Amino acid sequence: MSWDSQTPVLFRNGSVESQADRLLDGAIQAVSEWRGTWEPTCNIFENQDAFIVQMALPGLEPSRIDIQVEHNVLQVKGERKSETTEQTKWYTRSIPEGVFSCSFTLPAYVDYKKSRASCRQGVLTITFSKRDEAKPRRIMIECQ
């Protein structure tokens, strides 16, 4: 008898680890939905001049998003309200609804007073300029 035939049906479509991850993710999502909260997917990166936070918020109006920085902590909050009625029959429901909140500690070298935010095609982008002393600078050699 091979190991394949002994594996429970639940795990036949992938590794045990990936199936366990999916089960755990589903449980976490169920608890999050029960509480009515969710967390958007994010990209956080930097380039030579800026530190950038991107959040996937498709279908969310910018007026429903609150962005604040206090003590070098960026906090983004908002809410996606349901536009369905009790008669709606769901077949799948993957787009989260309800309140969301995310917090990120910003690096000390960003100048959050020189920040800007934009929302394009459902992606919120918050850009923080780096302080001048944190930016790379070229030192010229003086010839004598």
N, C-alpha and C. Protein backbone atom coordinates (compact mmCIF):
# COMPACT_ATOMS: atom_id res chain seq x y z
N MET A 1 0.85 -1.17 0.00
CA MET A 1 0.00 0.00 0.00
C MET A 1 0.90 1.24 0.00
N SER A 2 0.64 2.16 -0.92
CA SER A 2 1.47 3.35 -1.01
C SER A 2 0.97 4.44 -0.06
N TRP A 3 1.84 5.38 0.21
CA TRP A 3 1.49 6.52 1.07
C TRP A 3 0.33 7.30 0.46
N ASP A 4 0.30 7.41 -0.87
CA ASP A 4 -0.76 8.14 -1.56
C ASP A 4 -2.14 7.60 -1.22
N SER A 5 -2.26 6.31 -1.16
CA SER A 5 -3.58 5.73 -0.89
C SER A 5 -3.97 5.87 0.58
N GLN A 6 -3.00 6.17 1.46
CA GLN A 6 -3.30 6.33 2.88
C GLN A 6 -3.58 7.79 3.25
N THR A 7 -3.25 8.71 2.35
CA THR A 7 -3.44 10.12 2.62
C THR A 7 -4.94 10.43 2.62
N PRO A 8 -5.43 11.10 3.62
CA PRO A 8 -6.85 11.45 3.64
C PRO A 8 -7.23 12.26 2.40
N VAL A 9 -8.48 12.14 1.99
CA VAL A 9 -8.97 12.82 0.79
C VAL A 9 -8.73 14.32 0.87
N LEU A 10 -8.81 14.88 2.06
CA LEU A 10 -8.62 16.31 2.26
C LEU A 10 -7.29 16.80 1.71
N PHE A 11 -6.25 15.95 1.77
CA PHE A 11 -4.91 16.36 1.39
C PHE A 11 -4.48 15.88 0.02
N ARG A 12 -5.35 15.36 -0.78
CA ARG A 12 -4.94 14.80 -2.07
C ARG A 12 -4.57 15.84 -3.11
N ASN A 13 -5.06 17.06 -3.01
CA ASN A 13 -4.81 18.07 -4.04
C ASN A 13 -3.63 18.97 -3.71
N GLY A 14 -2.69 18.50 -2.99
CA GLY A 14 -1.52 19.30 -2.66
C GLY A 14 -0.83 18.74 -1.44
N SER A 15 0.24 19.36 -1.06
CA SER A 15 0.98 18.88 0.09
C SER A 15 0.17 19.07 1.37
N VAL A 16 0.51 18.31 2.37
CA VAL A 16 -0.15 18.44 3.66
C VAL A 16 0.05 19.85 4.19
N GLU A 17 1.28 20.39 4.01
CA GLU A 17 1.58 21.72 4.53
C GLU A 17 0.71 22.78 3.85
N SER A 18 0.58 22.71 2.52
CA SER A 18 -0.20 23.74 1.83
C SER A 18 -1.68 23.62 2.18
N GLN A 19 -2.17 22.40 2.35
CA GLN A 19 -3.57 22.22 2.74
C GLN A 19 -3.78 22.72 4.17
N ALA A 20 -2.83 22.45 5.05
CA ALA A 20 -2.93 22.93 6.43
C ALA A 20 -2.92 24.45 6.46
N ASP A 21 -2.07 25.06 5.63
CA ASP A 21 -2.04 26.52 5.53
C ASP A 21 -3.39 27.06 5.08
N ARG A 22 -3.99 26.41 4.08
CA ARG A 22 -5.30 26.86 3.59
C ARG A 22 -6.37 26.73 4.67
N LEU A 23 -6.33 25.62 5.42
CA LEU A 23 -7.30 25.45 6.49
C LEU A 23 -7.14 26.52 7.56
N LEU A 24 -5.90 26.80 7.94
CA LEU A 24 -5.63 27.82 8.94
C LEU A 24 -6.05 29.19 8.43
N ASP A 25 -5.71 29.51 7.17
CA ASP A 25 -6.13 30.78 6.59
C ASP A 25 -7.65 30.91 6.60
N GLY A 26 -8.34 29.81 6.27
CA GLY A 26 -9.80 29.83 6.27
C GLY A 26 -10.36 30.07 7.66
N ALA A 27 -9.75 29.46 8.66
CA ALA A 27 -10.20 29.66 10.04
C ALA A 27 -9.98 31.09 10.48
N ILE A 28 -8.82 31.64 10.14
CA ILE A 28 -8.52 33.03 10.49
C ILE A 28 -9.49 33.96 9.78
N GLN A 29 -9.74 33.70 8.51
CA GLN A 29 -10.67 34.54 7.75
C GLN A 29 -12.07 34.45 8.34
N ALA A 30 -12.50 33.27 8.75
CA ALA A 30 -13.82 33.11 9.34
C ALA A 30 -13.94 33.93 10.63
N VAL A 31 -12.89 33.89 11.46
CA VAL A 31 -12.91 34.66 12.69
C VAL A 31 -12.90 36.15 12.37
N SER A 32 -12.10 36.57 11.38
CA SER A 32 -12.05 37.98 11.00
C SER A 32 -13.41 38.45 10.48
N GLU A 33 -14.06 37.63 9.65
CA GLU A 33 -15.37 38.01 9.14
C GLU A 33 -16.38 38.07 10.27
N TRP A 34 -16.25 37.18 11.24
CA TRP A 34 -17.17 37.18 12.36
C TRP A 34 -17.06 38.50 13.12
N ARG A 35 -15.86 38.99 13.26
CA ARG A 35 -15.64 40.25 13.95
C ARG A 35 -15.94 41.44 13.05
N GLY A 36 -16.07 41.22 11.76
CA GLY A 36 -16.33 42.30 10.84
C GLY A 36 -15.10 43.11 10.50
N THR A 37 -13.90 42.56 10.70
CA THR A 37 -12.68 43.27 10.37
C THR A 37 -11.90 42.48 9.34
N TRP A 38 -11.04 43.18 8.62
CA TRP A 38 -10.19 42.53 7.63
C TRP A 38 -8.95 43.37 7.46
N GLU A 39 -7.96 42.80 6.79
CA GLU A 39 -6.70 43.50 6.57
C GLU A 39 -6.35 43.44 5.09
N PRO A 40 -6.19 44.59 4.46
CA PRO A 40 -5.87 44.59 3.02
C PRO A 40 -4.46 44.08 2.77
N THR A 41 -4.24 43.57 1.56
CA THR A 41 -2.90 43.16 1.17
C THR A 41 -2.06 44.41 0.91
N CYS A 42 -0.78 44.31 1.22
CA CYS A 42 0.10 45.48 1.16
C CYS A 42 1.42 45.16 0.48
N ASN A 43 2.00 46.21 -0.10
CA ASN A 43 3.38 46.22 -0.54
C ASN A 43 4.05 47.36 0.21
N ILE A 44 5.23 47.10 0.74
CA ILE A 44 6.01 48.15 1.41
C ILE A 44 7.42 48.06 0.85
N PHE A 45 7.90 49.19 0.33
CA PHE A 45 9.22 49.19 -0.28
C PHE A 45 9.80 50.60 -0.24
N GLU A 46 11.05 50.70 -0.63
CA GLU A 46 11.68 52.01 -0.71
C GLU A 46 12.54 52.09 -1.95
N ASN A 47 12.78 53.32 -2.37
CA ASN A 47 13.73 53.57 -3.44
C ASN A 47 14.71 54.62 -2.92
N GLN A 48 15.46 55.20 -3.80
CA GLN A 48 16.50 56.15 -3.39
C GLN A 48 15.92 57.37 -2.66
N ASP A 49 14.72 57.81 -3.06
CA ASP A 49 14.16 59.05 -2.52
C ASP A 49 13.00 58.89 -1.56
N ALA A 50 12.36 57.71 -1.53
CA ALA A 50 11.12 57.61 -0.77
C ALA A 50 10.91 56.22 -0.17
N PHE A 51 10.03 56.18 0.82
CA PHE A 51 9.54 54.97 1.45
C PHE A 51 8.06 54.89 1.08
N ILE A 52 7.62 53.75 0.54
CA ILE A 52 6.29 53.69 -0.07
C ILE A 52 5.49 52.53 0.51
N VAL A 53 4.22 52.81 0.82
CA VAL A 53 3.27 51.80 1.29
C VAL A 53 2.13 51.76 0.28
N GLN A 54 1.84 50.58 -0.24
CA GLN A 54 0.71 50.39 -1.15
C GLN A 54 -0.26 49.41 -0.52
N MET A 55 -1.56 49.70 -0.67
CA MET A 55 -2.60 48.82 -0.14
C MET A 55 -3.64 48.57 -1.21
N ALA A 56 -4.04 47.31 -1.36
CA ALA A 56 -5.08 46.95 -2.32
C ALA A 56 -6.44 47.20 -1.67
N LEU A 57 -7.15 48.19 -2.18
CA LEU A 57 -8.46 48.56 -1.65
C LEU A 57 -9.47 48.73 -2.79
N PRO A 58 -9.66 47.69 -3.61
CA PRO A 58 -10.56 47.84 -4.76
C PRO A 58 -11.98 48.13 -4.32
N GLY A 59 -12.60 49.05 -5.05
CA GLY A 59 -14.00 49.39 -4.80
C GLY A 59 -14.23 50.27 -3.59
N LEU A 60 -13.19 50.71 -2.92
CA LEU A 60 -13.34 51.53 -1.72
C LEU A 60 -13.13 53.00 -2.09
N GLU A 61 -14.09 53.83 -1.75
CA GLU A 61 -13.98 55.26 -2.03
C GLU A 61 -12.90 55.88 -1.14
N PRO A 62 -12.06 56.75 -1.70
CA PRO A 62 -11.02 57.40 -0.89
C PRO A 62 -11.58 58.16 0.32
N SER A 63 -12.80 58.64 0.23
CA SER A 63 -13.41 59.36 1.36
C SER A 63 -13.68 58.44 2.55
N ARG A 64 -13.64 57.12 2.35
CA ARG A 64 -13.87 56.15 3.42
C ARG A 64 -12.56 55.67 4.05
N ILE A 65 -11.44 56.30 3.67
CA ILE A 65 -10.12 55.89 4.17
C ILE A 65 -9.55 57.01 5.03
N ASP A 66 -9.04 56.67 6.20
CA ASP A 66 -8.42 57.62 7.11
C ASP A 66 -6.96 57.24 7.28
N ILE A 67 -6.06 58.19 6.99
CA ILE A 67 -4.61 57.95 7.09
C ILE A 67 -4.05 58.92 8.13
N GLN A 68 -3.34 58.37 9.12
CA GLN A 68 -2.73 59.21 10.15
C GLN A 68 -1.33 58.71 10.47
N VAL A 69 -0.45 59.65 10.85
CA VAL A 69 0.88 59.30 11.34
C VAL A 69 1.05 59.97 12.69
N GLU A 70 1.42 59.15 13.68
CA GLU A 70 1.68 59.67 15.01
C GLU A 70 2.82 58.88 15.61
N HIS A 71 3.84 59.59 16.09
CA HIS A 71 5.03 58.96 16.69
C HIS A 71 5.64 57.91 15.77
N ASN A 72 5.81 58.27 14.50
CA ASN A 72 6.40 57.40 13.47
C ASN A 72 5.61 56.12 13.21
N VAL A 73 4.34 56.11 13.54
CA VAL A 73 3.47 54.97 13.24
C VAL A 73 2.40 55.42 12.26
N LEU A 74 2.37 54.75 11.12
CA LEU A 74 1.35 55.00 10.11
C LEU A 74 0.15 54.12 10.43
N GLN A 75 -1.03 54.73 10.50
CA GLN A 75 -2.24 53.96 10.71
C GLN A 75 -3.23 54.29 9.60
N VAL A 76 -3.72 53.24 8.94
CA VAL A 76 -4.69 53.39 7.86
C VAL A 76 -5.94 52.64 8.29
N LYS A 77 -7.07 53.35 8.30
CA LYS A 77 -8.34 52.76 8.71
C LYS A 77 -9.39 53.07 7.65
N GLY A 78 -10.41 52.25 7.63
CA GLY A 78 -11.51 52.50 6.71
C GLY A 78 -12.60 51.48 6.88
N GLU A 79 -13.57 51.56 5.98
CA GLU A 79 -14.68 50.62 6.04
C GLU A 79 -15.27 50.41 4.66
N ARG A 80 -15.51 49.17 4.33
CA ARG A 80 -16.22 48.82 3.09
C ARG A 80 -17.58 48.30 3.52
N LYS A 81 -18.63 49.00 3.09
CA LYS A 81 -19.99 48.60 3.47
C LYS A 81 -20.59 47.70 2.42
N SER A 82 -21.42 46.78 2.89
CA SER A 82 -22.10 45.86 2.00
C SER A 82 -23.23 46.57 1.26
N GLU A 83 -23.36 46.26 -0.01
CA GLU A 83 -24.43 46.84 -0.81
C GLU A 83 -25.45 45.76 -1.19
N THR A 84 -25.53 44.72 -0.38
CA THR A 84 -26.43 43.62 -0.68
C THR A 84 -27.63 43.65 0.25
N THR A 85 -28.63 42.91 -0.12
CA THR A 85 -29.84 42.80 0.69
C THR A 85 -29.94 41.40 1.29
N GLU A 86 -30.93 41.18 2.11
CA GLU A 86 -31.12 39.87 2.72
C GLU A 86 -31.49 38.82 1.68
N GLN A 87 -32.03 39.26 0.54
CA GLN A 87 -32.42 38.32 -0.50
C GLN A 87 -31.25 37.88 -1.38
N THR A 88 -30.08 38.46 -1.17
CA THR A 88 -28.91 38.10 -1.97
C THR A 88 -28.49 36.67 -1.66
N LYS A 89 -28.29 35.90 -2.70
CA LYS A 89 -27.83 34.51 -2.55
C LYS A 89 -26.38 34.45 -3.01
N TRP A 90 -25.46 34.24 -2.08
CA TRP A 90 -24.04 34.21 -2.38
C TRP A 90 -23.60 32.83 -2.84
N TYR A 91 -22.73 32.79 -3.85
CA TYR A 91 -22.10 31.55 -4.30
C TYR A 91 -20.64 31.51 -3.87
N THR A 92 -20.02 32.66 -3.88
CA THR A 92 -18.69 32.81 -3.30
C THR A 92 -18.58 34.25 -2.85
N ARG A 93 -17.84 34.48 -1.78
CA ARG A 93 -17.72 35.83 -1.23
C ARG A 93 -16.30 36.01 -0.71
N SER A 94 -15.43 36.54 -1.57
CA SER A 94 -14.02 36.69 -1.22
C SER A 94 -13.61 38.13 -0.97
N ILE A 95 -14.41 39.08 -1.42
CA ILE A 95 -14.08 40.50 -1.21
C ILE A 95 -14.54 40.86 0.19
N PRO A 96 -13.60 41.23 1.05
CA PRO A 96 -13.97 41.50 2.44
C PRO A 96 -14.78 42.79 2.60
N GLU A 97 -15.61 42.79 3.62
CA GLU A 97 -16.41 43.96 3.96
C GLU A 97 -16.23 44.25 5.43
N GLY A 98 -16.61 45.45 5.81
CA GLY A 98 -16.52 45.85 7.20
C GLY A 98 -15.32 46.75 7.42
N VAL A 99 -14.95 46.87 8.67
CA VAL A 99 -13.89 47.78 9.09
C VAL A 99 -12.52 47.13 8.87
N PHE A 100 -11.54 47.94 8.44
CA PHE A 100 -10.16 47.47 8.39
C PHE A 100 -9.27 48.48 9.08
N SER A 101 -8.15 48.01 9.57
CA SER A 101 -7.17 48.88 10.23
C SER A 101 -5.80 48.23 10.12
N CYS A 102 -4.81 48.99 9.69
CA CYS A 102 -3.43 48.50 9.58
C CYS A 102 -2.51 49.55 10.18
N SER A 103 -1.49 49.10 10.87
CA SER A 103 -0.49 49.99 11.44
C SER A 103 0.89 49.53 11.03
N PHE A 104 1.76 50.49 10.73
CA PHE A 104 3.13 50.21 10.33
C PHE A 104 4.05 51.20 11.03
N THR A 105 5.13 50.72 11.59
CA THR A 105 6.13 51.62 12.15
C THR A 105 7.01 52.10 11.00
N LEU A 106 7.11 53.40 10.88
CA LEU A 106 7.91 53.99 9.81
C LEU A 106 9.37 54.09 10.23
N PRO A 107 10.28 53.96 9.29
CA PRO A 107 11.70 54.13 9.63
C PRO A 107 11.96 55.57 10.09
N ALA A 108 12.94 55.74 10.94
CA ALA A 108 13.26 57.06 11.48
C ALA A 108 13.70 58.04 10.39
N TYR A 109 14.17 57.54 9.25
CA TYR A 109 14.70 58.43 8.22
C TYR A 109 13.63 58.99 7.28
N VAL A 110 12.35 58.71 7.50
CA VAL A 110 11.34 59.30 6.62
C VAL A 110 10.84 60.61 7.21
N ASP A 111 10.48 61.51 6.33
CA ASP A 111 9.93 62.80 6.73
C ASP A 111 8.42 62.73 6.49
N TYR A 112 7.69 62.30 7.51
CA TYR A 112 6.26 62.09 7.31
C TYR A 112 5.50 63.40 7.10
N LYS A 113 6.14 64.53 7.38
CA LYS A 113 5.50 65.83 7.09
C LYS A 113 5.48 66.11 5.59
N LYS A 114 6.34 65.42 4.85
CA LYS A 114 6.38 65.55 3.38
C LYS A 114 5.82 64.28 2.75
N SER A 115 4.66 63.87 3.20
CA SER A 115 4.04 62.66 2.66
C SER A 115 2.89 63.03 1.73
N ARG A 116 2.54 62.07 0.88
CA ARG A 116 1.40 62.27 -0.01
C ARG A 116 0.75 60.91 -0.24
N ALA A 117 -0.54 60.97 -0.55
CA ALA A 117 -1.29 59.74 -0.80
C ALA A 117 -2.11 59.90 -2.06
N SER A 118 -2.22 58.80 -2.81
CA SER A 118 -3.05 58.79 -4.01
C SER A 118 -3.72 57.42 -4.10
N CYS A 119 -4.84 57.39 -4.80
CA CYS A 119 -5.56 56.15 -5.00
C CYS A 119 -5.84 56.02 -6.49
N ARG A 120 -5.31 54.95 -7.08
CA ARG A 120 -5.47 54.75 -8.52
C ARG A 120 -5.78 53.28 -8.78
N GLN A 121 -6.84 53.04 -9.48
CA GLN A 121 -7.27 51.68 -9.85
C GLN A 121 -7.35 50.75 -8.65
N GLY A 122 -7.84 51.28 -7.53
CA GLY A 122 -8.04 50.46 -6.34
C GLY A 122 -6.81 50.24 -5.49
N VAL A 123 -5.70 50.90 -5.82
CA VAL A 123 -4.48 50.76 -5.03
C VAL A 123 -4.16 52.10 -4.37
N LEU A 124 -4.17 52.11 -3.05
CA LEU A 124 -3.79 53.29 -2.28
C LEU A 124 -2.28 53.30 -2.17
N THR A 125 -1.66 54.40 -2.53
CA THR A 125 -0.21 54.54 -2.44
C THR A 125 0.11 55.72 -1.53
N ILE A 126 0.85 55.46 -0.47
CA ILE A 126 1.28 56.50 0.46
C ILE A 126 2.79 56.60 0.33
N THR A 127 3.26 57.78 -0.02
CA THR A 127 4.69 57.99 -0.26
C THR A 127 5.25 58.95 0.78
N PHE A 128 6.32 58.52 1.42
CA PHE A 128 7.02 59.34 2.40
C PHE A 128 8.39 59.68 1.86
N SER A 129 8.69 60.96 1.78
CA SER A 129 10.03 61.37 1.36
C SER A 129 11.04 61.00 2.43
N LYS A 130 12.24 60.67 1.99
CA LYS A 130 13.32 60.41 2.95
C LYS A 130 13.93 61.75 3.34
N ARG A 131 14.39 61.82 4.57
CA ARG A 131 15.10 63.03 5.01
C ARG A 131 16.38 63.14 4.18
N ASP A 132 16.81 64.35 3.94
CA ASP A 132 17.98 64.58 3.10
C ASP A 132 19.21 63.82 3.61
N GLU A 133 19.37 63.75 4.93
CA GLU A 133 20.55 63.07 5.47
C GLU A 133 20.49 61.55 5.25
N ALA A 134 19.33 61.02 4.94
CA ALA A 134 19.21 59.58 4.69
C ALA A 134 19.41 59.22 3.21
N LYS A 135 19.33 60.20 2.36
CA LYS A 135 19.48 59.94 0.92
C LYS A 135 20.96 59.76 0.58
N PRO A 136 21.24 58.87 -0.34
CA PRO A 136 22.63 58.72 -0.75
C PRO A 136 23.14 60.01 -1.39
N ARG A 137 24.37 60.31 -1.16
CA ARG A 137 24.93 61.49 -1.82
C ARG A 137 26.32 61.19 -2.32
N ARG A 138 26.60 61.80 -3.41
CA ARG A 138 27.89 61.59 -4.04
C ARG A 138 28.87 62.64 -3.51
N ILE A 139 30.06 62.18 -3.18
CA ILE A 139 31.10 63.09 -2.70
C ILE A 139 32.10 63.25 -3.83
N MET A 140 32.29 64.45 -4.23
CA MET A 140 33.20 64.73 -5.34
C MET A 140 34.62 64.83 -4.80
N ILE A 141 35.54 64.36 -5.57
CA ILE A 141 36.96 64.42 -5.22
C ILE A 141 37.55 65.70 -5.81
N GLU A 142 38.19 66.44 -4.94
CA GLU A 142 38.84 67.66 -5.40
C GLU A 142 40.25 67.32 -5.86
N CYS A 143 40.57 67.79 -7.04
CA CYS A 143 41.92 67.57 -7.58
C CYS A 143 42.75 68.81 -7.30
N GLN A 144 43.96 68.59 -6.86
CA GLN A 144 44.84 69.73 -6.58
C GLN A 144 46.02 69.78 -7.49
